[in-house]
Amino acid sequence: MAFEWVKRGYKVTAVTGTPNYPTGKFFPGYSWFKHTKDNINGVEIFRIPLIAPGHNKLGLILNYFSFPFFGFWWQLFSKIKADEVFMFETSPMNQCMVGVRFAKRHKIPCYLYVQDLWPENVEMITGIHSPIVIKPIERMVRKIYKGCTHIWGTSPSFVDSIRKYVDESEHDKVSFWPQYAEEFYQPLPKKEHQGFNVIFTGNIGQAQGLEILPEAAKILKEQGKKDICFTIVGDGRARKSFEAAITENGVWHMFEFVGRVSPEEVPSQLAKGDAAFISFADDELFAKTIPAKLQSYMACAMPIIASAKGETARIISEADCGMCSDIGNAEELAENICKMAAMSKERLMEMSENAKKYNDKNFNKKQLMDQMDSYLR
């Protein structure tokens, strides 16, 4: 979005933290004192110090509180002059307090694009539902929303959830604005390979619930389906537990790990697959979610196999671009993989075309950015 705004004539300054996602460690060459300022494709970047989360809960908690802490002092003394503040919110939401305070101090509009719902995300990750913990988070969320001029959610269900923490008189300031795939997500000629290859790209985290894939693979192995395999493109905090599930189910021979690649390389990876895979952990929060990889898959004209419900299942059904099983149902997932592997080339091509058409109609980057311009200009 920032690069697109530069192309459209905006002067863009990005305030962010020291890069560490998804490994939980600072990228090589970055630290609190190295690479704190940059300019990429015309976007001026300021990096506020934070604590890298590592791979434990204490590190994650320190990470969640470090950016708002250092950001509080940054916004007090920053000499940046801005006309508007736009916050791209991923967890933790308390990072948005930096932008809200900056906007209030300078008396300028403040916009928020919600990627992760709070407090729902906290409850899902931690398993904590105690009012002692959740009520203060709810108060923070209300305060952030109150300080925003307009708020966008990535799905219609997100809009409904956000409005629960916004005064009824201000419900109109919350609207749906879906994510889009960048222009480089385009269909590429298929690369020859043996068998039926199901490919997953993206973060390997707790939220993805990828452990269901080895379970389904074991069922396929027991059924003698030797021509079905899985390619995993990506990395993340849950990779070790995912690999442990592959070992436990005895299906390593069916899996290939490519590791993390740049977003620009994803289309060429998808060209090696016959279908793309999406899954979620079993939590009601994910019924409300439209994952960014869905748009990426559809833009690349991939038939989709999903273990999902709610918004993701709705879109796959509306587009007629794949098959969806209930979250956690490995038997149904294995059955859907078998059905898709047995489909004719014509039916798979029809699903591919349907995915691309739906994406171009509903998640068109130019149309969505034009719509955003109507708020910002």
Protein backbone atom coordinates (compact mmCIF):
# COMPACT_ATOMS: atom_id res chain seq x y z
CA MET A 1 0.00 0.00 0.00
CA ALA A 2 2.78 2.41 0.89
CA PHE A 3 4.54 1.92 -2.45
CA GLU A 4 1.26 2.41 -4.30
CA TRP A 5 0.60 5.64 -2.43
CA VAL A 6 4.01 6.94 -3.53
CA LYS A 7 3.09 6.14 -7.15
CA ARG A 8 -0.14 8.08 -6.65
CA GLY A 9 1.70 11.19 -5.51
CA TYR A 10 1.57 10.85 -1.73
CA LYS A 11 4.59 11.53 0.46
CA VAL A 12 4.74 8.46 2.71
CA THR A 13 6.62 8.01 5.97
CA ALA A 14 6.44 4.56 7.58
CA VAL A 15 7.04 4.16 11.31
CA THR A 16 7.66 0.53 12.17
CA GLY A 17 9.77 -1.74 14.38
CA THR A 18 13.00 -3.68 13.93
CA PRO A 19 12.12 -6.49 11.45
CA ASN A 20 11.86 -9.95 13.04
CA TYR A 21 8.82 -11.71 11.52
CA PRO A 22 8.27 -14.65 11.21
CA THR A 23 11.45 -16.05 12.79
CA GLY A 24 11.21 -14.04 16.03
CA LYS A 25 14.81 -12.86 15.58
CA PHE A 26 16.12 -9.59 14.15
CA PHE A 27 17.02 -9.84 10.49
CA PRO A 28 20.79 -9.87 9.75
CA GLY A 29 22.15 -6.32 9.73
CA TYR A 30 19.32 -4.91 11.88
CA SER A 31 19.36 -3.95 15.54
CA TRP A 32 18.25 -1.13 17.84
CA PHE A 33 21.10 0.99 16.51
CA LYS A 34 21.65 -0.35 12.99
CA HIS A 35 19.48 0.30 9.96
CA THR A 36 17.05 2.47 11.93
CA LYS A 37 16.33 4.72 8.93
CA ASP A 38 15.83 3.77 5.32
CA ASN A 39 14.17 4.75 2.06
CA ILE A 40 12.61 2.00 -0.02
CA ASN A 41 10.82 2.78 -3.28
CA GLY A 42 10.25 6.35 -2.13
CA VAL A 43 8.90 5.42 1.31
CA GLU A 44 10.87 7.00 4.16
CA ILE A 45 11.17 4.47 6.98
CA PHE A 46 11.81 5.01 10.70
CA ARG A 47 12.32 1.92 12.84
CA ILE A 48 11.45 2.17 16.52
CA PRO A 49 13.33 -0.21 18.87
CA LEU A 50 11.48 -3.27 20.13
CA ILE A 51 12.32 -6.58 21.79
CA ALA A 52 12.41 -9.56 19.44
CA PRO A 53 9.91 -12.21 20.64
CA GLY A 54 12.13 -15.24 20.15
CA HIS A 55 10.27 -18.51 20.67
CA ASN A 56 8.83 -18.22 24.18
CA LYS A 57 5.83 -16.53 25.78
CA LEU A 58 7.90 -14.15 27.90
CA GLY A 59 9.66 -12.87 24.79
CA LEU A 60 6.31 -12.45 23.05
CA ILE A 61 4.91 -10.44 25.98
CA LEU A 62 8.00 -8.20 26.05
CA ASN A 63 7.70 -7.75 22.29
CA TYR A 64 4.04 -6.74 22.62
CA PHE A 65 4.83 -4.01 25.14
CA SER A 66 8.19 -2.77 23.85
CA PHE A 67 6.97 -1.07 20.67
CA PRO A 68 4.25 0.99 22.42
CA PHE A 69 6.75 1.91 25.17
CA PHE A 70 9.45 3.17 22.84
CA GLY A 71 6.80 4.53 20.46
CA PHE A 72 5.32 6.68 23.24
CA TRP A 73 8.62 8.54 23.63
CA TRP A 74 9.15 8.65 19.88
CA GLN A 75 5.82 10.38 19.18
CA LEU A 76 6.50 12.96 21.91
CA PHE A 77 9.74 14.12 20.30
CA SER A 78 9.28 13.23 16.63
CA LYS A 79 9.66 16.12 14.20
CA ILE A 80 7.75 14.34 11.44
CA LYS A 81 5.04 16.53 9.94
CA ALA A 82 2.06 14.61 8.63
CA ASP A 83 -1.39 15.42 7.26
CA GLU A 84 -2.88 12.02 8.13
CA VAL A 85 -2.04 8.87 10.08
CA PHE A 86 -2.81 5.45 8.59
CA MET A 87 -2.29 2.41 10.83
CA PHE A 88 -1.95 -1.07 9.33
CA GLU A 89 -2.85 -3.12 12.40
CA THR A 90 -1.53 -6.58 13.03
CA SER A 91 -1.04 -7.99 16.52
CA PRO A 92 -0.43 -6.52 18.99
CA MET A 93 -3.13 -3.88 18.71
CA ASN A 94 -1.61 -1.79 21.50
CA GLN A 95 0.96 -0.62 18.94
CA CYS A 96 -1.83 1.54 17.51
CA MET A 97 -1.72 3.75 20.60
CA VAL A 98 1.43 5.31 19.09
CA GLY A 99 -0.44 6.43 15.98
CA VAL A 100 -3.57 7.51 17.85
CA ARG A 101 -1.53 9.68 20.23
CA PHE A 102 0.48 11.17 17.36
CA ALA A 103 -2.71 12.05 15.46
CA LYS A 104 -4.36 13.54 18.54
CA ARG A 105 -1.28 15.59 19.41
CA HIS A 106 -1.07 17.01 15.88
CA LYS A 107 -4.86 17.28 15.43
CA ILE A 108 -4.92 15.29 12.19
CA PRO A 109 -7.17 12.45 10.88
CA CYS A 110 -6.33 8.92 12.02
CA TYR A 111 -7.25 5.85 9.95
CA LEU A 112 -7.07 2.20 10.99
CA TYR A 113 -6.98 -0.97 8.88
CA VAL A 114 -7.69 -3.96 11.16
CA GLN A 115 -5.96 -7.24 10.29
CA ASP A 116 -6.22 -8.92 13.71
CA LEU A 117 -9.26 -8.64 15.97
CA TRP A 118 -8.61 -7.85 19.62
CA PRO A 119 -9.40 -9.08 22.26
CA GLU A 120 -10.41 -12.17 20.26
CA ASN A 121 -6.86 -12.77 19.05
CA VAL A 122 -5.48 -12.62 22.60
CA GLU A 123 -8.03 -15.16 23.81
CA MET A 124 -7.23 -17.49 20.91
CA ILE A 125 -3.44 -17.37 21.34
CA THR A 126 -3.26 -17.44 25.15
CA GLY A 127 -6.41 -19.37 26.04
CA ILE A 128 -7.09 -16.69 28.68
CA HIS A 129 -10.72 -15.62 29.03
CA SER A 130 -10.62 -14.06 32.49
CA PRO A 131 -12.34 -10.65 32.70
CA ILE A 132 -9.39 -9.47 34.78
CA VAL A 133 -7.25 -9.72 31.63
CA ILE A 134 -9.80 -9.22 28.86
CA LYS A 135 -11.68 -6.17 30.23
CA PRO A 136 -8.59 -3.88 30.22
CA ILE A 137 -7.85 -4.99 26.66
CA GLU A 138 -11.43 -4.19 25.65
CA ARG A 139 -11.07 -0.71 27.15
CA MET A 140 -7.87 -0.18 25.18
CA VAL A 141 -9.56 -1.35 21.96
CA ARG A 142 -12.49 1.02 22.53
CA LYS A 143 -10.06 3.89 23.13
CA ILE A 144 -8.16 3.15 19.92
CA TYR A 145 -11.35 2.89 17.86
CA LYS A 146 -12.68 6.09 19.46
CA GLY A 147 -9.56 7.94 18.35
CA CYS A 148 -9.92 6.90 14.71
CA THR A 149 -11.55 8.91 11.94
CA HIS A 150 -12.39 5.77 9.94
CA ILE A 151 -11.81 2.04 10.43
CA TRP A 152 -11.66 -0.74 7.85
CA GLY A 153 -12.02 -4.47 8.42
CA THR A 154 -10.72 -7.17 6.07
CA SER A 155 -14.04 -9.05 5.99
CA PRO A 156 -17.74 -8.31 6.58
CA SER A 157 -17.51 -10.37 9.79
CA PHE A 158 -14.61 -8.20 10.97
CA VAL A 159 -16.79 -5.13 10.49
CA ASP A 160 -19.50 -6.64 12.71
CA SER A 161 -16.94 -7.50 15.41
CA ILE A 162 -15.32 -4.06 15.33
CA ARG A 163 -18.68 -2.32 15.69
CA LYS A 164 -19.21 -4.06 19.04
CA TYR A 165 -16.53 -1.76 20.45
CA VAL A 166 -17.69 1.40 18.69
CA ASP A 167 -20.54 3.66 19.79
CA GLU A 168 -23.68 2.95 17.76
CA SER A 169 -23.71 6.55 16.56
CA GLU A 170 -20.30 5.92 14.94
CA HIS A 171 -21.02 2.59 13.22
CA ASP A 172 -20.84 4.31 9.83
CA LYS A 173 -17.14 4.97 10.33
CA VAL A 174 -16.46 1.21 10.14
CA SER A 175 -16.50 -0.42 6.70
CA PHE A 176 -15.29 -3.43 4.72
CA TRP A 177 -12.15 -3.08 2.63
CA PRO A 178 -10.63 -6.42 1.54
CA GLN A 179 -6.98 -7.16 1.03
CA TYR A 180 -5.71 -7.50 -2.52
CA ALA A 181 -2.89 -9.35 -4.23
CA GLU A 182 -0.03 -7.33 -5.72
CA GLU A 183 0.35 -7.21 -9.51
CA PHE A 184 3.13 -9.80 -9.56
CA TYR A 185 0.66 -12.45 -8.38
CA GLN A 186 -0.24 -13.76 -11.84
CA PRO A 187 -0.78 -17.24 -13.30
CA LEU A 188 2.40 -18.76 -14.72
CA PRO A 189 2.74 -21.77 -17.04
CA LYS A 190 2.55 -24.99 -15.06
CA LYS A 191 5.82 -26.82 -14.46
CA GLU A 192 5.84 -30.52 -15.23
CA HIS A 193 5.88 -32.81 -12.23
CA GLN A 194 4.80 -36.27 -11.19
CA GLY A 195 1.55 -36.92 -9.33
CA PHE A 196 -0.84 -34.43 -7.73
CA ASN A 197 0.96 -31.71 -5.76
CA VAL A 198 -0.82 -29.70 -3.05
CA ILE A 199 1.15 -26.57 -2.19
CA PHE A 200 1.02 -24.29 0.86
CA THR A 201 2.71 -20.89 0.97
CA GLY A 202 3.12 -18.50 3.87
CA ASN A 203 3.62 -18.41 7.60
CA ILE A 204 3.78 -21.67 9.54
CA GLY A 205 2.17 -20.55 12.77
CA GLN A 206 -0.26 -21.68 15.42
CA ALA A 207 -3.12 -19.93 13.66
CA GLN A 208 -2.67 -21.94 10.46
CA GLY A 209 -3.49 -25.28 12.07
CA LEU A 210 -1.26 -27.09 9.59
CA GLU A 211 -1.05 -30.24 11.73
CA ILE A 212 -4.17 -31.44 9.92
CA LEU A 213 -2.14 -31.88 6.72
CA PRO A 214 0.06 -34.74 8.04
CA GLU A 215 -3.08 -36.36 9.48
CA ALA A 216 -4.74 -36.24 6.06
CA ALA A 217 -1.50 -37.44 4.43
CA LYS A 218 -1.47 -40.50 6.72
CA ILE A 219 -5.02 -41.37 5.64
CA LEU A 220 -3.99 -41.03 1.99
CA LYS A 221 -0.93 -43.23 2.59
CA GLU A 222 -3.09 -45.92 4.20
CA GLN A 223 -5.37 -45.76 1.16
CA GLY A 224 -2.39 -46.37 -1.11
CA LYS A 225 -2.47 -42.95 -2.76
CA LYS A 226 1.17 -42.82 -3.81
CA ASP A 227 0.77 -40.06 -6.39
CA ILE A 228 -0.23 -37.29 -3.93
CA CYS A 229 2.41 -35.05 -2.36
CA PHE A 230 2.68 -31.76 -0.47
CA THR A 231 5.03 -28.80 -0.90
CA ILE A 232 5.45 -26.32 1.97
CA VAL A 233 6.79 -22.89 1.02
CA GLY A 234 7.45 -20.77 4.10
CA ASP A 235 8.63 -20.80 7.68
CA GLY A 236 7.45 -19.73 11.11
CA ARG A 237 7.27 -20.25 14.85
CA ALA A 238 5.25 -23.49 14.56
CA ARG A 239 7.50 -25.20 12.02
CA LYS A 240 9.05 -27.57 14.57
CA SER A 241 5.67 -28.76 15.85
CA PHE A 242 4.49 -29.16 12.25
CA GLU A 243 7.55 -31.25 11.40
CA ALA A 244 6.95 -33.30 14.56
CA ALA A 245 3.41 -34.03 13.33
CA ILE A 246 4.84 -35.21 10.00
CA THR A 247 7.21 -37.53 11.86
CA GLU A 248 4.46 -38.80 14.16
CA ASN A 249 2.26 -39.69 11.19
CA GLY A 250 5.13 -41.27 9.24
CA VAL A 251 4.60 -39.26 6.07
CA TRP A 252 7.91 -37.44 5.49
CA HIS A 253 8.17 -39.07 2.05
CA MET A 254 5.06 -37.10 1.00
CA PHE A 255 6.39 -33.67 2.03
CA GLU A 256 8.89 -31.23 0.57
CA PHE A 257 9.98 -28.04 2.38
CA VAL A 258 11.15 -25.14 0.26
CA GLY A 259 11.60 -22.64 3.08
CA ARG A 260 10.91 -18.94 3.01
CA VAL A 261 10.91 -17.16 -0.36
CA SER A 262 10.21 -13.58 -1.37
CA PRO A 263 6.60 -12.69 -2.25
CA GLU A 264 7.69 -12.18 -5.86
CA GLU A 265 8.82 -15.83 -6.01
CA VAL A 266 5.50 -17.25 -4.80
CA PRO A 267 3.81 -17.41 -8.26
CA SER A 268 6.66 -19.53 -9.65
CA GLN A 269 6.34 -21.85 -6.64
CA LEU A 270 2.58 -22.12 -7.13
CA ALA A 271 3.19 -23.07 -10.76
CA LYS A 272 4.68 -26.33 -9.44
CA GLY A 273 1.39 -27.24 -7.75
CA ASP A 274 -1.98 -28.55 -8.88
CA ALA A 275 -3.90 -27.03 -5.95
CA ALA A 276 -3.14 -24.53 -3.20
CA PHE A 277 -3.90 -25.20 0.46
CA ILE A 278 -5.40 -23.02 3.20
CA SER A 279 -6.09 -24.09 6.77
CA PHE A 280 -6.90 -22.60 10.16
CA ALA A 281 -6.70 -23.61 13.79
CA ASP A 282 -10.08 -24.52 15.28
CA ASP A 283 -11.21 -21.18 16.66
CA GLU A 284 -14.32 -19.12 15.92
CA LEU A 285 -12.10 -16.12 15.22
CA PHE A 286 -10.93 -17.67 11.95
CA ALA A 287 -14.47 -18.05 10.67
CA LYS A 288 -14.39 -14.24 10.41
CA THR A 289 -11.06 -14.12 8.61
CA ILE A 290 -10.25 -13.74 4.92
CA PRO A 291 -6.52 -14.61 4.80
CA ALA A 292 -4.32 -12.63 2.41
CA LYS A 293 -3.08 -15.87 0.85
CA LEU A 294 -6.61 -16.52 -0.45
CA GLN A 295 -6.35 -13.48 -2.74
CA SER A 296 -2.80 -14.47 -3.72
CA TYR A 297 -3.90 -17.99 -4.65
CA MET A 298 -6.91 -16.73 -6.60
CA ALA A 299 -4.86 -14.11 -8.45
CA CYS A 300 -2.52 -16.92 -9.54
CA ALA A 301 -5.54 -18.95 -10.73
CA MET A 302 -5.00 -21.82 -8.32
CA PRO A 303 -7.72 -24.35 -7.47
CA ILE A 304 -8.00 -24.26 -3.69
CA ILE A 305 -8.25 -27.01 -1.09
CA ALA A 306 -9.17 -25.61 2.31
CA SER A 307 -9.74 -26.69 5.88
CA ALA A 308 -11.80 -23.66 6.84
CA LYS A 309 -15.21 -22.24 7.58
CA GLY A 310 -17.00 -18.92 7.58
CA GLU A 311 -15.71 -16.21 5.24
CA THR A 312 -13.06 -18.35 3.53
CA ALA A 313 -15.48 -21.21 2.88
CA ARG A 314 -18.08 -18.73 1.59
CA ILE A 315 -15.71 -17.20 -0.96
CA ILE A 316 -14.47 -20.57 -2.23
CA SER A 317 -18.09 -21.69 -2.65
CA GLU A 318 -19.21 -18.44 -4.32
CA ALA A 319 -16.29 -18.52 -6.72
CA ASP A 320 -16.57 -22.29 -7.37
CA CYS A 321 -12.80 -22.45 -7.28
CA GLY A 322 -12.09 -25.33 -4.93
CA MET A 323 -13.20 -27.64 -2.14
CA CYS A 324 -13.54 -26.91 1.56
CA SER A 325 -13.70 -29.26 4.56
CA ASP A 326 -14.53 -28.49 8.17
CA ILE A 327 -11.67 -27.32 10.35
CA GLY A 328 -10.05 -30.30 12.07
CA ASN A 329 -11.73 -32.94 9.90
CA ALA A 330 -8.76 -34.82 8.44
CA GLU A 331 -10.96 -37.53 6.89
CA GLU A 332 -13.00 -35.00 4.91
CA LEU A 333 -9.83 -33.15 3.89
CA ALA A 334 -8.24 -36.37 2.62
CA GLU A 335 -11.44 -37.18 0.72
CA ASN A 336 -11.45 -33.74 -0.93
CA ILE A 337 -7.81 -34.09 -1.94
CA CYS A 338 -8.62 -37.46 -3.54
CA LYS A 339 -11.61 -35.99 -5.37
CA MET A 340 -9.60 -33.09 -6.74
CA ALA A 341 -6.71 -35.35 -7.74
CA ALA A 342 -9.20 -37.45 -9.74
CA MET A 343 -10.79 -34.46 -11.50
CA SER A 344 -10.45 -33.96 -15.22
CA LYS A 345 -8.04 -31.34 -16.54
CA GLU A 346 -11.05 -29.44 -17.85
CA ARG A 347 -12.67 -29.21 -14.40
CA LEU A 348 -9.42 -28.12 -12.77
CA MET A 349 -8.98 -25.49 -15.48
CA GLU A 350 -12.54 -24.28 -14.84
CA MET A 351 -11.74 -23.87 -11.13
CA SER A 352 -8.57 -21.99 -12.04
CA GLU A 353 -10.44 -19.59 -14.29
CA ASN A 354 -13.18 -19.10 -11.69
CA ALA A 355 -10.59 -18.18 -9.05
CA LYS A 356 -8.98 -15.57 -11.30
CA LYS A 357 -12.31 -14.07 -12.36
CA TYR A 358 -13.57 -13.77 -8.79
CA ASN A 359 -10.33 -12.15 -7.68
CA ASP A 360 -10.35 -9.64 -10.53
CA LYS A 361 -13.96 -8.69 -9.78
CA ASN A 362 -13.85 -8.51 -5.98
CA PHE A 363 -10.22 -7.88 -5.00
CA ASN A 364 -9.02 -5.57 -7.77
CA LYS A 365 -6.09 -3.49 -6.49
CA LYS A 366 -6.75 -0.38 -8.59
CA GLN A 367 -10.43 -0.24 -7.69
CA LEU A 368 -9.71 -0.73 -3.99
CA MET A 369 -6.94 1.88 -3.90
CA ASP A 370 -9.19 4.32 -5.77
CA GLN A 371 -11.80 3.73 -3.09
CA MET A 372 -9.21 4.36 -0.37
CA ASP A 373 -8.19 7.60 -2.10
CA SER A 374 -11.72 8.92 -1.65
CA TYR A 375 -11.14 8.85 2.12
CA LEU A 376 -7.57 10.09 2.23
CA ARG A 377 -7.62 12.96 -0.27
